[in-house]
Structure formats: C-alpha cells, structure tokens
C-alpha atoms as a PDB file:
ATOM      1  CA  MET A   1    -100.564  64.441  52.416  1.00  0.00           C
ATOM      2  CA  LYS A   2    -100.446  63.233  48.810  1.00  0.00           C
ATOM      3  CA  LYS A   3    -103.736  65.018  48.058  1.00  0.00           C
ATOM      4  CA  GLY A   4    -102.351  68.270  49.517  1.00  0.00           C
ATOM      5  CA  LEU A   5     -99.196  68.070  47.408  1.00  0.00           C
ATOM      6  CA  LEU A   6    -101.229  67.222  44.323  1.00  0.00           C
ATOM      7  CA  ALA A   7    -103.551  70.180  44.981  1.00  0.00           C
ATOM      8  CA  ILE A   8    -100.588  72.554  45.435  1.00  0.00           C
ATOM      9  CA  LEU A   9     -98.978  71.248  42.247  1.00  0.00           C
ATOM     10  CA  LEU A  10    -102.234  71.647  40.303  1.00  0.00           C
ATOM     11  CA  VAL A  11    -102.813  75.208  41.569  1.00  0.00           C
ATOM     12  CA  SER A  12     -99.179  76.127  40.760  1.00  0.00           C
ATOM     13  CA  MET A  13     -99.578  74.824  37.209  1.00  0.00           C
ATOM     14  CA  ILE A  14    -102.828  76.753  36.678  1.00  0.00           C
ATOM     15  CA  VAL A  15    -101.346  79.996  38.050  1.00  0.00           C
ATOM     16  CA  GLY A  16     -98.177  79.531  35.985  1.00  0.00           C
ATOM     17  CA  THR A  17    -100.145  78.883  32.809  1.00  0.00           C
ATOM     18  CA  SER A  18    -102.415  81.872  33.404  1.00  0.00           C
ATOM     19  CA  TYR A  19     -99.441  84.122  34.112  1.00  0.00           C
ATOM     20  CA  SER A  20     -97.527  83.029  31.024  1.00  0.00           C
ATOM     21  CA  GLN A  21    -100.578  83.549  28.787  1.00  0.00           C
ATOM     22  CA  SER A  22    -101.285  87.012  30.190  1.00  0.00           C
ATOM     23  CA  LYS A  23     -97.615  87.969  29.801  1.00  0.00           C
ATOM     24  CA  ARG A  24     -97.558  86.722  26.215  1.00  0.00           C
ATOM     25  CA  LYS A  25    -100.592  88.835  25.281  1.00  0.00           C
ATOM     26  CA  LYS A  26     -99.082  92.116  26.506  1.00  0.00           C
ATOM     27  CA  ASN A  27     -97.449  92.686  23.103  1.00  0.00           C
ATOM     28  CA  GLN A  28    -100.555  91.797  21.107  1.00  0.00           C
ATOM     29  CA  PHE A  29    -102.887  94.458  19.702  1.00  0.00           C
ATOM     30  CA  SER A  30    -104.939  95.309  16.636  1.00  0.00           C
ATOM     31  CA  LEU A  31    -105.452  98.688  14.983  1.00  0.00           C
ATOM     32  CA  ILE A  32    -108.384  98.820  12.582  1.00  0.00           C
ATOM     33  CA  ILE A  33    -108.620 101.820  10.273  1.00  0.00           C
ATOM     34  CA  GLY A  34    -112.340 102.421  10.509  1.00  0.00           C
ATOM     35  CA  SER A  35    -115.085 104.878   9.672  1.00  0.00           C
ATOM     36  CA  CYS A  36    -115.331 108.101   7.714  1.00  0.00           C
ATOM     37  CA  PHE A  37    -112.418 107.646   5.327  1.00  0.00           C
ATOM     38  CA  LYS A  38    -113.258 108.651   1.768  1.00  0.00           C
ATOM     39  CA  SER A  39    -110.339 108.297  -0.659  1.00  0.00           C
ATOM     40  CA  ASP A  40    -108.007 109.734   1.968  1.00  0.00           C
ATOM     41  CA  THR A  41    -104.218 109.431   1.720  1.00  0.00           C
ATOM     42  CA  VAL A  42    -102.831 107.974   4.959  1.00  0.00           C
ATOM     43  CA  ASP A  43     -99.406 107.546   6.602  1.00  0.00           C
ATOM     44  CA  ILE A  44     -99.184 105.633   9.912  1.00  0.00           C
ATOM     45  CA  SER A  45     -96.319 105.173  12.381  1.00  0.00           C
ATOM     46  CA  ILE A  46     -96.491 103.311  15.684  1.00  0.00           C
ATOM     47  CA  ASN A  47     -93.888 104.094  18.353  1.00  0.00           C
ATOM     48  CA  GLY A  48     -91.763 105.783  15.692  1.00  0.00           C
ATOM     49  CA  ARG A  49     -91.804 102.873  13.244  1.00  0.00           C
ATOM     50  CA  GLY A  50     -93.187 103.894   9.836  1.00  0.00           C
ATOM     51  CA  LEU A  51     -95.656 101.255   8.652  1.00  0.00           C
ATOM     52  CA  VAL A  52     -97.953 102.808   6.049  1.00  0.00           C
ATOM     53  CA  ARG A  53     -97.007 105.492   3.532  1.00  0.00           C
ATOM     54  CA  ASN A  54     -99.212 107.271   0.974  1.00  0.00           C
ATOM     55  CA  GLU A  55    -101.938 104.626   1.101  1.00  0.00           C
ATOM     56  CA  VAL A  56    -105.366 105.646  -0.210  1.00  0.00           C
ATOM     57  CA  VAL A  57    -108.135 104.248   2.023  1.00  0.00           C
ATOM     58  CA  GLU A  58    -111.910 104.187   1.749  1.00  0.00           C
ATOM     59  CA  SER A  59    -114.352 103.062   4.446  1.00  0.00           C
ATOM     60  CA  ASN A  60    -116.716 100.337   3.312  1.00  0.00           C
ATOM     61  CA  PHE A  61    -120.338 101.497   3.417  1.00  0.00           C
ATOM     62  CA  SER A  62    -121.577  98.188   4.887  1.00  0.00           C
ATOM     63  CA  THR A  63    -118.896  97.411   7.483  1.00  0.00           C
ATOM     64  CA  GLY A  64    -117.686 100.929   8.264  1.00  0.00           C
ATOM     65  CA  ILE A  65    -114.027  99.883   8.062  1.00  0.00           C
ATOM     66  CA  THR A  66    -111.292 100.174   5.450  1.00  0.00           C
ATOM     67  CA  GLN A  67    -109.143  97.523   3.794  1.00  0.00           C
ATOM     68  CA  LEU A  68    -106.204  98.564   6.023  1.00  0.00           C
ATOM     69  CA  SER A  69    -105.373  97.166   9.462  1.00  0.00           C
ATOM     70  CA  ILE A  70    -102.311  96.674  11.639  1.00  0.00           C
ATOM     71  CA  TYR A  71    -101.883  93.967  14.256  1.00  0.00           C
ATOM     72  CA  GLN A  72     -99.212  92.280  16.295  1.00  0.00           C
ATOM     73  CA  ASP A  73     -99.155  88.627  17.284  1.00  0.00           C
ATOM     74  CA  ASP A  74     -96.407  86.257  18.411  1.00  0.00           C
ATOM     75  CA  ASN A  75     -94.961  86.214  14.862  1.00  0.00           C
ATOM     76  CA  GLY A  76     -94.507  89.956  14.420  1.00  0.00           C
ATOM     77  CA  LEU A  77     -96.105  93.267  13.579  1.00  0.00           C
ATOM     78  CA  TRP A  78     -98.282  92.917  10.489  1.00  0.00           C
ATOM     79  CA  VAL A  79     -99.809  95.418   8.076  1.00  0.00           C
ATOM     80  CA  LEU A  80    -102.766  93.981   6.201  1.00  0.00           C
ATOM     81  CA  ASN A  81    -103.768  96.007   3.153  1.00  0.00           C
ATOM     82  CA  LYS A  82    -106.413  94.508   0.908  1.00  0.00           C
ATOM     83  CA  ASN A  83    -105.113  90.934   0.527  1.00  0.00           C
ATOM     84  CA  GLU A  84    -101.436  91.738   1.053  1.00  0.00           C
ATOM     85  CA  ARG A  85     -99.736  91.086   4.410  1.00  0.00           C
ATOM     86  CA  THR A  86     -96.328  92.544   5.376  1.00  0.00           C
ATOM     87  CA  ASN A  87     -94.352  91.569   8.488  1.00  0.00           C
ATOM     88  CA  TYR A  88     -92.291  94.264  10.251  1.00  0.00           C
ATOM     89  CA  GLY A  89     -90.916  92.124  13.101  1.00  0.00           C
ATOM     90  CA  ILE A  90     -91.922  92.451  16.738  1.00  0.00           C
ATOM     91  CA  LEU A  91     -92.562  95.956  18.091  1.00  0.00           C
ATOM     92  CA  ASP A  92     -91.679  96.350  21.768  1.00  0.00           C
ATOM     93  CA  VAL A  93     -94.916  97.492  23.388  1.00  0.00           C
ATOM     94  CA  ASN A  94     -94.799  98.909  26.899  1.00  0.00           C
ATOM     95  CA  LYS A  95     -98.540  99.268  27.675  1.00  0.00           C
ATOM     96  CA  THR A  96     -98.687 102.474  25.621  1.00  0.00           C
ATOM     97  CA  LEU A  97     -98.641 103.004  21.874  1.00  0.00           C
ATOM     98  CA  THR A  98     -97.923 106.303  20.192  1.00  0.00           C
ATOM     99  CA  VAL A  99     -99.852 106.319  16.931  1.00  0.00           C
ATOM    100  CA  ASP A 100     -98.823 109.059  14.493  1.00  0.00           C
ATOM    101  CA  ILE A 101    -101.180 109.392  11.566  1.00  0.00           C
ATOM    102  CA  ARG A 102    -101.147 111.781   8.645  1.00  0.00           C
ATOM    103  CA  ILE A 103    -104.422 112.089   6.742  1.00  0.00           C
ATOM    104  CA  ASN A 104    -104.317 114.174   3.577  1.00  0.00           C
ATOM    105  CA  GLY A 105    -101.246 116.010   4.907  1.00  0.00           C
ATOM    106  CA  VAL A 106    -102.695 116.741   8.379  1.00  0.00           C
ATOM    107  CA  ASN A 107    -100.693 115.216  11.254  1.00  0.00           C
ATOM    108  CA  THR A 108    -102.287 113.808  14.395  1.00  0.00           C
ATOM    109  CA  SER A 109    -100.667 111.921  17.259  1.00  0.00           C
ATOM    110  CA  LYS A 110    -102.549 109.721  19.716  1.00  0.00           C
ATOM    111  CA  SER A 111    -101.247 108.047  22.845  1.00  0.00           C
ATOM    112  CA  VAL A 112    -103.059 104.757  23.430  1.00  0.00           C
ATOM    113  CA  ASN A 113    -103.129 102.857  26.728  1.00  0.00           C
ATOM    114  CA  LEU A 114    -103.448  99.142  25.932  1.00  0.00           C
ATOM    115  CA  ARG A 115    -104.787  98.446  29.438  1.00  0.00           C
ATOM    116  CA  LYS A 116    -108.077 100.011  28.286  1.00  0.00           C
ATOM    117  CA  GLY A 117    -108.296  97.566  25.382  1.00  0.00           C
ATOM    118  CA  TRP A 118    -106.050  95.986  22.786  1.00  0.00           C
ATOM    119  CA  VAL A 119    -108.456  96.232  19.845  1.00  0.00           C
ATOM    120  CA  LEU A 120    -108.194  99.807  18.583  1.00  0.00           C
ATOM    121  CA  ILE A 121    -110.433 101.425  16.005  1.00  0.00           C
ATOM    122  CA  LEU A 122    -109.194 104.641  14.399  1.00  0.00           C
ATOM    123  CA  ASP A 123    -111.935 106.850  12.930  1.00  0.00           C
ATOM    124  CA  ASN A 124    -111.814 110.129  10.988  1.00  0.00           C
ATOM    125  CA  CYS A 125    -115.394 111.371  11.389  1.00  0.00           C
ATOM    126  CA  TYR A 126    -116.961 114.809  11.519  1.00  0.00           C
ATOM    127  CA  THR A 127    -117.497 116.406  14.926  1.00  0.00           C
ATOM    128  CA  GLU A 128    -118.588 119.885  15.869  1.00  0.00           C
ATOM    129  CA  SER A 129    -115.706 122.309  16.477  1.00  0.00           C
ATOM    130  CA  LYS A 130    -115.642 124.950  19.219  1.00  0.00           C
ATOM    131  CA  GLN A 131    -116.865 127.434  16.608  1.00  0.00           C
ATOM    132  CA  GLY A 132    -119.871 125.204  15.857  1.00  0.00           C
ATOM    133  CA  LYS A 133    -118.611 124.097  12.448  1.00  0.00           C
ATOM    134  CA  PRO A 134    -118.204 120.454  11.405  1.00  0.00           C
ATOM    135  CA  GLU A 135    -114.607 119.301  11.150  1.00  0.00           C
ATOM    136  CA  ARG A 136    -112.977 115.914  10.754  1.00  0.00           C
ATOM    137  CA  THR A 137    -111.438 114.591  13.965  1.00  0.00           C
ATOM    138  CA  VAL A 138    -109.246 111.522  14.439  1.00  0.00           C
ATOM    139  CA  THR A 139    -110.411 109.389  17.372  1.00  0.00           C
ATOM    140  CA  VAL A 140    -109.233 106.056  18.735  1.00  0.00           C
ATOM    141  CA  GLN A 141    -111.683 103.682  20.406  1.00  0.00           C
ATOM    142  CA  HIS A 142    -110.322 101.098  22.868  1.00  0.00           C
ATOM    143  CA  ASN A 143    -112.057  97.736  23.013  1.00  0.00           C
ATOM    144  CA  ARG A 144    -111.388  94.319  24.414  1.00  0.00           C
ATOM    145  CA  THR A 145    -113.748  92.775  21.890  1.00  0.00           C
ATOM    146  CA  VAL A 146    -115.327  94.220  18.753  1.00  0.00           C
ATOM    147  CA  VAL A 147    -118.719  93.527  17.242  1.00  0.00           C
ATOM    148  CA  LEU A 148    -119.360  94.909  13.774  1.00  0.00           C
ATOM    149  CA  GLU A 149    -123.035  94.986  12.934  1.00  0.00           C
END
C-alpha cells in the first residue's frame, strides 16, 4: 500500500514537473538574422512590436550569421546587437509569430509556427524567380536545435 502511494506520488511529481517545464518554454524562441546580408538596412517587428529600426547588418563570412539576434526567455524579449542587449519585456506568444521585416525598404511578412521549431533563422539569399532571374528572397528556417559548421 505504501509503495503504491509512493509510486503514485512520484509519477505525479514527474508529470507535474514535465508539464510545468513544457508550459514555461512555450514563450521562448530565438530569431537569428542569418545568411546573405551585405550591408543591408533592416527593420524588424514581431507581433506588431517594433524591435529593430534602421540597423545595418552584414553576414559573417565564416559563421554565415549577422551580429543581430532576437530571443525571448523568462526575463523578457531581448535584442542582441553586437555586444549590446536591450530588454523589451515579455511578448505574449500564442504558438505563432508574425515577423515583419523591411530590408533596404522592401517589406516582407512571415508567419512562423513555433510548433515546428523555436530556433528561427532568417536568411536573405538569392533564389531563382519565376522568370528565371536571381532575386533575393527572405526565408525563415524552423529548427529545434541549430548546428553552425
């Protein structure tokens, strides 16, 4: 009897802990401004909140990412630019982010489902257009983990 109660108590604690950790992580995400930026002027808003304005970014040749990233943890929404960190408070995230980005005056909006991954990499690389010409296209990759080689 005591072993059964102890087992039920232990299982309840494990389930409760797992549930509280998964619930806590629902608001957490990272947005890395990645490849193919070359002295581009960038504005970024997430869910209508303006975070970056007129910032010039350049992708690093070795890592393929810029000096600009945005992430949210338990302490707030952070913009990390070079070595400067700015807190914008907590952003209410409901499984979907709307990322509005302006690159050199061209607006793009992306809807991002955080169930596909909470580590997001935003790229501005050349792809082939319908007319067969190369054009820069903003893409967002969803990952649960990221490995930069």
